Amino acid sequence: HHGILRDSSTTKLRVVYNASSPSTSGISLNDI
């Protein structure tokens, strides 16, 4: 996961999760 800084009055920092990143099995959460 990483953060994205935004020009917003409510949510300055949005956390984005990379669920397409493969695990040790070569399969990601998004794959299943």
Full PDB file with SEQRES, HELIX, SHEET, SSBOND, CRYST1, ORIGX, SCALE, CONECT and MASTER records, all heavy atoms in Angstrom:
SEQRES   1 A   32  HIS HIS GLY ILE LEU ARG ASP SER SER THR THR LYS LEU          
SEQRES   2 A   32  ARG VAL VAL TYR ASN ALA SER SER PRO SER THR SER GLY          
SEQRES   3 A   32  ILE SER LEU ASN ASP ILE                                      
SHEET    1 AA1 2 HIS A   2  LEU A   5  0                                        
SHEET    2 AA1 2 LEU A  13  VAL A  16 -1                                        
CRYST1    1.000    1.000    1.000  90.00  90.00  90.00 P 1           1          
ORIGX1      1.000000  0.000000  0.000000        0.00000                         
ORIGX2      0.000000  1.000000  0.000000        0.00000                         
ORIGX3      0.000000  0.000000  1.000000        0.00000                         
SCALE1      1.000000  0.000000  0.000000        0.00000                         
SCALE2      0.000000  1.000000  0.000000        0.00000                         
SCALE3      0.000000  0.000000  1.000000        0.00000                         
ATOM      1  N   HIS A   1       0.835  -1.206   0.000  1.00  0.00           N  
ATOM      2  CA  HIS A   1       0.000   0.000   0.000  1.00  0.00           C  
ATOM      3  C   HIS A   1       0.863   1.246   0.000  1.00  0.00           C  
ATOM      4  O   HIS A   1       2.021   1.236   0.417  1.00  0.00           O  
ATOM      5  CB  HIS A   1      -0.953   0.007   1.209  1.00  0.00           C  
ATOM      6  CG  HIS A   1      -0.261  -0.113   2.529  1.00  0.00           C  
ATOM      7  ND1 HIS A   1       0.072   0.958   3.306  1.00  0.00           N  
ATOM      8  CD2 HIS A   1       0.179  -1.216   3.207  1.00  0.00           C  
ATOM      9  CE1 HIS A   1       0.663   0.549   4.412  1.00  0.00           C  
ATOM     10  NE2 HIS A   1       0.750  -0.766   4.377  1.00  0.00           N  
ATOM     11  N   HIS A   2       0.293   2.325  -0.505  1.00  0.00           N  
ATOM     12  CA  HIS A   2       0.986   3.613  -0.510  1.00  0.00           C  
ATOM     13  C   HIS A   2      -0.054   4.718  -0.437  1.00  0.00           C  
ATOM     14  O   HIS A   2      -1.250   4.489  -0.644  1.00  0.00           O  
ATOM     15  CB  HIS A   2       1.843   3.767  -1.779  1.00  0.00           C  
ATOM     16  CG  HIS A   2       1.031   3.821  -3.042  1.00  0.00           C  
ATOM     17  ND1 HIS A   2       0.557   2.683  -3.668  1.00  0.00           N  
ATOM     18  CD2 HIS A   2       0.610   4.863  -3.799  1.00  0.00           C  
ATOM     19  CE1 HIS A   2      -0.115   3.012  -4.752  1.00  0.00           C  
ATOM     20  NE2 HIS A   2      -0.106   4.342  -4.858  1.00  0.00           N  
ATOM     21  N   GLY A   3       0.391   5.911  -0.135  1.00  0.00           N  
ATOM     22  CA  GLY A   3      -0.511   7.041  -0.001  1.00  0.00           C  
ATOM     23  C   GLY A   3      -0.451   7.962  -1.212  1.00  0.00           C  
ATOM     24  O   GLY A   3       0.572   8.069  -1.874  1.00  0.00           O  
ATOM     25  N   ILE A   4      -1.588   8.600  -1.504  1.00  0.00           N  
ATOM     26  CA  ILE A   4      -1.670   9.600  -2.571  1.00  0.00           C  
ATOM     27  C   ILE A   4      -2.146  10.909  -1.947  1.00  0.00           C  
ATOM     28  O   ILE A   4      -3.230  10.961  -1.360  1.00  0.00           O  
ATOM     29  CB  ILE A   4      -2.637   9.174  -3.688  1.00  0.00           C  
ATOM     30  CG1 ILE A   4      -2.106   7.944  -4.417  1.00  0.00           C  
ATOM     31  CG2 ILE A   4      -2.850  10.316  -4.681  1.00  0.00           C  
ATOM     32  CD1 ILE A   4      -3.024   7.445  -5.516  1.00  0.00           C  
ATOM     33  N   LEU A   5      -1.325  11.945  -2.058  1.00  0.00           N  
ATOM     34  CA  LEU A   5      -1.703  13.261  -1.553  1.00  0.00           C  
ATOM     35  C   LEU A   5      -2.629  13.923  -2.562  1.00  0.00           C  
ATOM     36  O   LEU A   5      -2.350  13.941  -3.757  1.00  0.00           O  
ATOM     37  CB  LEU A   5      -0.461  14.126  -1.310  1.00  0.00           C  
ATOM     38  CG  LEU A   5       0.419  13.715  -0.134  1.00  0.00           C  
ATOM     39  CD1 LEU A   5       1.692  14.555  -0.107  1.00  0.00           C  
ATOM     40  CD2 LEU A   5      -0.335  13.883   1.189  1.00  0.00           C  
ATOM     41  N   ARG A   6      -3.743  14.467  -2.081  1.00  0.00           N  
ATOM     42  CA  ARG A   6      -4.751  15.051  -2.959  1.00  0.00           C  
ATOM     43  C   ARG A   6      -5.089  16.455  -2.498  1.00  0.00           C  
ATOM     44  O   ARG A   6      -5.049  16.756  -1.303  1.00  0.00           O  
ATOM     45  CB  ARG A   6      -6.013  14.187  -2.962  1.00  0.00           C  
ATOM     46  CG  ARG A   6      -5.776  12.753  -3.349  1.00  0.00           C  
ATOM     47  CD  ARG A   6      -6.919  11.846  -2.947  1.00  0.00           C  
ATOM     48  NE  ARG A   6      -8.167  12.233  -3.587  1.00  0.00           N  
ATOM     49  CZ  ARG A   6      -9.316  12.360  -2.931  1.00  0.00           C  
ATOM     50  NH1 ARG A   6      -9.358  12.184  -1.618  1.00  0.00           N  
ATOM     51  NH2 ARG A   6     -10.418  12.679  -3.580  1.00  0.00           N  
ATOM     52  N   ASP A   7      -5.449  17.281  -3.466  1.00  0.00           N  
ATOM     53  CA  ASP A   7      -5.911  18.632  -3.158  1.00  0.00           C  
ATOM     54  C   ASP A   7      -7.383  18.547  -2.808  1.00  0.00           C  
ATOM     55  O   ASP A   7      -8.266  18.786  -3.624  1.00  0.00           O  
ATOM     56  CB  ASP A   7      -5.698  19.547  -4.371  1.00  0.00           C  
ATOM     57  CG  ASP A   7      -6.105  20.983  -4.075  1.00  0.00           C  
ATOM     58  OD1 ASP A   7      -6.273  21.317  -2.890  1.00  0.00           O  
ATOM     59  OD2 ASP A   7      -6.271  21.765  -5.034  1.00  0.00           O  
ATOM     60  N   SER A   8      -7.664  18.154  -1.578  1.00  0.00           N  
ATOM     61  CA  SER A   8      -9.031  17.907  -1.149  1.00  0.00           C  
ATOM     62  C   SER A   8      -9.276  18.545   0.204  1.00  0.00           C  
ATOM     63  O   SER A   8      -8.381  18.598   1.060  1.00  0.00           O  
ATOM     64  CB  SER A   8      -9.295  16.393  -1.075  1.00  0.00           C  
ATOM     65  OG  SER A   8     -10.523  16.114  -0.449  1.00  0.00           O  
ATOM     66  N   SER A   9     -10.507  19.026   0.397  1.00  0.00           N  
ATOM     67  CA  SER A   9     -10.865  19.647   1.678  1.00  0.00           C  
ATOM     68  C   SER A   9     -11.233  18.609   2.724  1.00  0.00           C  
ATOM     69  O   SER A   9     -11.351  18.929   3.907  1.00  0.00           O  
ATOM     70  CB  SER A   9     -12.048  20.607   1.481  1.00  0.00           C  
ATOM     71  OG  SER A   9     -13.164  19.899   0.958  1.00  0.00           O  
ATOM     72  N   THR A  10     -11.425  17.340   2.300  1.00  0.00           N  
ATOM     73  CA  THR A  10     -11.861  16.315   3.246  1.00  0.00           C  
ATOM     74  C   THR A  10     -10.831  15.211   3.434  1.00  0.00           C  
ATOM     75  O   THR A  10     -10.507  14.854   4.556  1.00  0.00           O  
ATOM     76  CB  THR A  10     -13.189  15.690   2.761  1.00  0.00           C  
ATOM     77  OG1 THR A  10     -13.034  15.261   1.409  1.00  0.00           O  
ATOM     78  CG2 THR A  10     -14.318  16.702   2.852  1.00  0.00           C  
ATOM     79  N   THR A  11     -10.320  14.641   2.343  1.00  0.00           N  
ATOM     80  CA  THR A  11      -9.372  13.530   2.442  1.00  0.00           C  
ATOM     81  C   THR A  11      -8.058  13.931   1.778  1.00  0.00           C  
ATOM     82  O   THR A  11      -7.871  13.747   0.575  1.00  0.00           O  
ATOM     83  CB  THR A  11      -9.944  12.264   1.774  1.00  0.00           C  
ATOM     84  OG1 THR A  11     -11.256  12.021   2.267  1.00  0.00           O  
ATOM     85  CG2 THR A  11      -9.072  11.057   2.085  1.00  0.00           C  
ATOM     86  N   LYS A  12      -7.148  14.488   2.556  1.00  0.00           N  
ATOM     87  CA  LYS A  12      -5.866  14.943   2.009  1.00  0.00           C  
ATOM     88  C   LYS A  12      -5.000  13.778   1.550  1.00  0.00           C  
ATOM     89  O   LYS A  12      -4.312  13.858   0.546  1.00  0.00           O  
ATOM     90  CB  LYS A  12      -5.107  15.748   3.082  1.00  0.00           C  
ATOM     91  CG  LYS A  12      -5.812  17.005   3.565  1.00  0.00           C  
ATOM     92  CD  LYS A  12      -5.782  18.091   2.515  1.00  0.00           C  
ATOM     93  CE  LYS A  12      -6.350  19.384   3.059  1.00  0.00           C  
ATOM     94  NZ  LYS A  12      -6.391  20.451   2.040  1.00  0.00           N  
ATOM     95  N   LEU A  13      -5.059  12.683   2.318  1.00  0.00           N  
ATOM     96  CA  LEU A  13      -4.215  11.524   2.024  1.00  0.00           C  
ATOM     97  C   LEU A  13      -5.101  10.307   1.808  1.00  0.00           C  
ATOM     98  O   LEU A  13      -5.839   9.909   2.709  1.00  0.00           O  
ATOM     99  CB  LEU A  13      -3.239  11.250   3.170  1.00  0.00           C  
ATOM    100  CG  LEU A  13      -2.343  10.025   3.018  1.00  0.00           C  
ATOM    101  CD1 LEU A  13      -1.400  10.184   1.848  1.00  0.00           C  
ATOM    102  CD2 LEU A  13      -1.565   9.768   4.315  1.00  0.00           C  
ATOM    103  N   ARG A  14      -5.056   9.757   0.614  1.00  0.00           N  
ATOM    104  CA  ARG A  14      -5.825   8.540   0.327  1.00  0.00           C  
ATOM    105  C   ARG A  14      -4.863   7.370   0.243  1.00  0.00           C  
ATOM    106  O   ARG A  14      -3.834   7.444  -0.424  1.00  0.00           O  
ATOM    107  CB  ARG A  14      -6.593   8.674  -0.983  1.00  0.00           C  
ATOM    108  CG  ARG A  14      -6.991   7.334  -1.587  1.00  0.00           C  
ATOM    109  CD  ARG A  14      -8.064   7.444  -2.623  1.00  0.00           C  
ATOM    110  NE  ARG A  14      -9.361   7.651  -2.004  1.00  0.00           N  
ATOM    111  CZ  ARG A  14     -10.508   7.677  -2.676  1.00  0.00           C  
ATOM    112  NH1 ARG A  14     -10.497   7.549  -3.980  1.00  0.00           N  
ATOM    113  NH2 ARG A  14     -11.647   7.850  -2.058  1.00  0.00           N  
ATOM    114  N   VAL A  15      -5.198   6.273   0.927  1.00  0.00           N  
ATOM    115  CA  VAL A  15      -4.385   5.068   0.900  1.00  0.00           C  
ATOM    116  C   VAL A  15      -4.889   4.163  -0.217  1.00  0.00           C  
ATOM    117  O   VAL A  15      -6.086   3.874  -0.300  1.00  0.00           O  
ATOM    118  CB  VAL A  15      -4.436   4.325   2.248  1.00  0.00           C  
ATOM    119  CG1 VAL A  15      -3.555   3.080   2.194  1.00  0.00           C  
ATOM    120  CG2 VAL A  15      -3.991   5.243   3.380  1.00  0.00           C  
ATOM    121  N   VAL A  16      -3.974   3.740  -1.089  1.00  0.00           N  
ATOM    122  CA  VAL A  16      -4.321   2.851  -2.201  1.00  0.00           C  
ATOM    123  C   VAL A  16      -3.623   1.513  -1.981  1.00  0.00           C  
ATOM    124  O   VAL A  16      -2.420   1.466  -1.717  1.00  0.00           O  
ATOM    125  CB  VAL A  16      -3.895   3.457  -3.555  1.00  0.00           C  
ATOM    126  CG1 VAL A  16      -4.178   2.486  -4.686  1.00  0.00           C  
ATOM    127  CG2 VAL A  16      -4.618   4.770  -3.797  1.00  0.00           C  
ATOM    128  N   TYR A  17      -4.397   0.428  -2.104  1.00  0.00           N  
ATOM    129  CA  TYR A  17      -3.869  -0.909  -1.875  1.00  0.00           C  
ATOM    130  C   TYR A  17      -3.660  -1.621  -3.214  1.00  0.00           C  
ATOM    131  O   TYR A  17      -4.569  -1.662  -4.047  1.00  0.00           O  
ATOM    132  CB  TYR A  17      -4.826  -1.717  -0.993  1.00  0.00           C  
ATOM    133  CG  TYR A  17      -5.031  -1.090   0.364  1.00  0.00           C  
ATOM    134  CD1 TYR A  17      -6.069  -0.187   0.580  1.00  0.00           C  
ATOM    135  CD2 TYR A  17      -4.177  -1.378   1.414  1.00  0.00           C  
ATOM    136  CE1 TYR A  17      -6.249   0.415   1.819  1.00  0.00           C  
ATOM    137  CE2 TYR A  17      -4.345  -0.788   2.660  1.00  0.00           C  
ATOM    138  CZ  TYR A  17      -5.383   0.106   2.854  1.00  0.00           C  
ATOM    139  OH  TYR A  17      -5.561   0.707   4.069  1.00  0.00           O  
ATOM    140  N   ASN A  18      -2.476  -2.172  -3.408  1.00  0.00           N  
ATOM    141  CA  ASN A  18      -2.145  -2.854  -4.656  1.00  0.00           C  
ATOM    142  C   ASN A  18      -2.403  -4.350  -4.500  1.00  0.00           C  
ATOM    143  O   ASN A  18      -1.487  -5.144  -4.298  1.00  0.00           O  
ATOM    144  CB  ASN A  18      -0.693  -2.597  -5.045  1.00  0.00           C  
ATOM    145  CG  ASN A  18      -0.321  -3.262  -6.354  1.00  0.00           C  
ATOM    146  OD1 ASN A  18      -1.191  -3.655  -7.126  1.00  0.00           O  
ATOM    147  ND2 ASN A  18       0.968  -3.393  -6.606  1.00  0.00           N  
ATOM    148  N   ALA A  19      -3.676  -4.731  -4.624  1.00  0.00           N  
ATOM    149  CA  ALA A  19      -4.042  -6.138  -4.465  1.00  0.00           C  
ATOM    150  C   ALA A  19      -3.760  -6.956  -5.714  1.00  0.00           C  
ATOM    151  O   ALA A  19      -4.092  -8.137  -5.772  1.00  0.00           O  
ATOM    152  CB  ALA A  19      -5.519  -6.249  -4.083  1.00  0.00           C  
ATOM    153  N   SER A  20      -3.139  -6.331  -6.730  1.00  0.00           N  
ATOM    154  CA  SER A  20      -2.730  -7.059  -7.932  1.00  0.00           C  
ATOM    155  C   SER A  20      -1.291  -7.538  -7.827  1.00  0.00           C  
ATOM    156  O   SER A  20      -0.780  -8.190  -8.745  1.00  0.00           O  
ATOM    157  CB  SER A  20      -2.887  -6.171  -9.177  1.00  0.00           C  
ATOM    158  OG  SER A  20      -4.242  -5.865  -9.415  1.00  0.00           O  
ATOM    159  N   SER A  21      -0.630  -7.219  -6.726  1.00  0.00           N  
ATOM    160  CA  SER A  21       0.751  -7.660  -6.521  1.00  0.00           C  
ATOM    161  C   SER A  21       0.774  -9.159  -6.218  1.00  0.00           C  
ATOM    162  O   SER A  21       0.081  -9.625  -5.302  1.00  0.00           O  
ATOM    163  CB  SER A  21       1.381  -6.883  -5.359  1.00  0.00           C  
ATOM    164  OG  SER A  21       2.697  -7.319  -5.110  1.00  0.00           O  
ATOM    165  N   PRO A  22       1.543  -9.961  -6.990  1.00  0.00           N  
ATOM    166  CA  PRO A  22       1.534 -11.419  -6.788  1.00  0.00           C  
ATOM    167  C   PRO A  22       2.163 -11.819  -5.452  1.00  0.00           C  
ATOM    168  O   PRO A  22       3.095 -11.181  -4.962  1.00  0.00           O  
ATOM    169  CB  PRO A  22       2.347 -11.954  -7.975  1.00  0.00           C  
ATOM    170  CG  PRO A  22       3.219 -10.808  -8.386  1.00  0.00           C  
ATOM    171  CD  PRO A  22       2.415  -9.564  -8.111  1.00  0.00           C  
ATOM    172  N   SER A  23       1.654 -12.891  -4.887  1.00  0.00           N  
ATOM    173  CA  SER A  23       2.206 -13.435  -3.643  1.00  0.00           C  
ATOM    174  C   SER A  23       3.319 -14.428  -3.985  1.00  0.00           C  
ATOM    175  O   SER A  23       3.727 -14.554  -5.139  1.00  0.00           O  
ATOM    176  CB  SER A  23       1.086 -14.134  -2.858  1.00  0.00           C  
ATOM    177  OG  SER A  23       0.600 -15.242  -3.601  1.00  0.00           O  
ATOM    178  N   THR A  24       3.792 -15.160  -2.998  1.00  0.00           N  
ATOM    179  CA  THR A  24       4.862 -16.139  -3.229  1.00  0.00           C  
ATOM    180  C   THR A  24       4.400 -17.270  -4.148  1.00  0.00           C  
ATOM    181  O   THR A  24       5.215 -17.951  -4.765  1.00  0.00           O  
ATOM    182  CB  THR A  24       5.337 -16.735  -1.898  1.00  0.00           C  
ATOM    183  OG1 THR A  24       4.193 -17.229  -1.171  1.00  0.00           O  
ATOM    184  CG2 THR A  24       6.041 -15.675  -1.052  1.00  0.00           C  
ATOM    185  N   SER A  25       3.082 -17.439  -4.252  1.00  0.00           N  
ATOM    186  CA  SER A  25       2.544 -18.472  -5.146  1.00  0.00           C  
ATOM    187  C   SER A  25       2.428 -17.972  -6.581  1.00  0.00           C  
ATOM    188  O   SER A  25       2.085 -18.741  -7.484  1.00  0.00           O  
ATOM    189  CB  SER A  25       1.155 -18.907  -4.655  1.00  0.00           C  
ATOM    190  OG  SER A  25       0.231 -17.828  -4.770  1.00  0.00           O  
ATOM    191  N   GLY A  26       2.694 -16.680  -6.795  1.00  0.00           N  
ATOM    192  CA  GLY A  26       2.543 -16.090  -8.114  1.00  0.00           C  
ATOM    193  C   GLY A  26       1.139 -15.603  -8.403  1.00  0.00           C  
ATOM    194  O   GLY A  26       0.852 -15.107  -9.494  1.00  0.00           O  
ATOM    195  N   ILE A  27       0.247 -15.739  -7.437  1.00  0.00           N  
ATOM    196  CA  ILE A  27      -1.154 -15.328  -7.593  1.00  0.00           C  
ATOM    197  C   ILE A  27      -1.438 -14.175  -6.646  1.00  0.00           C  
ATOM    198  O   ILE A  27      -1.018 -14.171  -5.484  1.00  0.00           O  
ATOM    199  CB  ILE A  27      -2.103 -16.511  -7.298  1.00  0.00           C  
ATOM    200  CG1 ILE A  27      -1.838 -17.654  -8.271  1.00  0.00           C  
ATOM    201  CG2 ILE A  27      -3.563 -16.080  -7.387  1.00  0.00           C  
ATOM    202  CD1 ILE A  27      -2.631 -18.917  -7.964  1.00  0.00           C  
ATOM    203  N   SER A  28      -2.169 -13.189  -7.129  1.00  0.00           N  
ATOM    204  CA  SER A  28      -2.535 -12.047  -6.298  1.00  0.00           C  
ATOM    205  C   SER A  28      -3.962 -12.202  -5.788  1.00  0.00           C  
ATOM    206  O   SER A  28      -4.723 -13.061  -6.250  1.00  0.00           O  
ATOM    207  CB  SER A  28      -2.424 -10.747  -7.104  1.00  0.00           C  
ATOM    208  OG  SER A  28      -3.448 -10.677  -8.081  1.00  0.00           O  
ATOM    209  N   LEU A  29      -4.347 -11.338  -4.852  1.00  0.00           N  
ATOM    210  CA  LEU A  29      -5.716 -11.351  -4.326  1.00  0.00           C  
ATOM    211  C   LEU A  29      -6.714 -11.046  -5.438  1.00  0.00           C  
ATOM    212  O   LEU A  29      -7.772 -11.670  -5.549  1.00  0.00           O  
ATOM    213  CB  LEU A  29      -5.857 -10.326  -3.197  1.00  0.00           C  
ATOM    214  CG  LEU A  29      -7.267 -10.125  -2.628  1.00  0.00           C  
ATOM    215  CD1 LEU A  29      -7.825 -11.432  -2.065  1.00  0.00           C  
ATOM    216  CD2 LEU A  29      -7.255  -9.044  -1.548  1.00  0.00           C  
ATOM    217  N   ASN A  30      -6.358 -10.092  -6.307  1.00  0.00           N  
ATOM    218  CA  ASN A  30      -7.274  -9.740  -7.395  1.00  0.00           C  
ATOM    219  C   ASN A  30      -7.450 -10.869  -8.404  1.00  0.00           C  
ATOM    220  O   ASN A  30      -8.473 -10.954  -9.081  1.00  0.00           O  
ATOM    221  CB  ASN A  30      -6.794  -8.468  -8.105  1.00  0.00           C  
ATOM    222  CG  ASN A  30      -7.105  -7.221  -7.298  1.00  0.00           C  
ATOM    223  OD1 ASN A  30      -7.885  -7.245  -6.354  1.00  0.00           O  
ATOM    224  ND2 ASN A  30      -6.477  -6.108  -7.670  1.00  0.00           N  
ATOM    225  N   ASP A  31      -6.437 -11.741  -8.503  1.00  0.00           N  
ATOM    226  CA  ASP A  31      -6.536 -12.868  -9.428  1.00  0.00           C  
ATOM    227  C   ASP A  31      -7.645 -13.839  -9.031  1.00  0.00           C  
ATOM    228  O   ASP A  31      -8.222 -14.516  -9.889  1.00  0.00           O  
ATOM    229  CB  ASP A  31      -5.208 -13.633  -9.507  1.00  0.00           C  
ATOM    230  CG  ASP A  31      -4.128 -12.845 -10.229  1.00  0.00           C  
ATOM    231  OD1 ASP A  31      -4.479 -11.985 -11.062  1.00  0.00           O  
ATOM    232  OD2 ASP A  31      -2.932 -13.088  -9.959  1.00  0.00           O  
ATOM    233  N   ILE A  32      -7.933 -13.938  -7.749  1.00  0.00           N  
ATOM    234  CA  ILE A  32      -8.914 -14.929  -7.283  1.00  0.00           C  
ATOM    235  C   ILE A  32     -10.255 -14.295  -6.944  1.00  0.00           C  
ATOM    236  O   ILE A  32     -11.148 -14.962  -6.429  1.00  0.00           O  
ATOM    237  CB  ILE A  32      -8.379 -15.688  -6.048  1.00  0.00           C  
ATOM    238  CG1 ILE A  32      -8.153 -14.733  -4.871  1.00  0.00           C  
ATOM    239  CG2 ILE A  32      -7.091 -16.432  -6.382  1.00  0.00           C  
ATOM    240  CD1 ILE A  32      -7.786 -15.447  -3.564  1.00  0.00           C  
TER     241      ILE A  32                                                      
MASTER        0    0    0    0    2    0    0    6  240    1    0    3          
END                                                                             
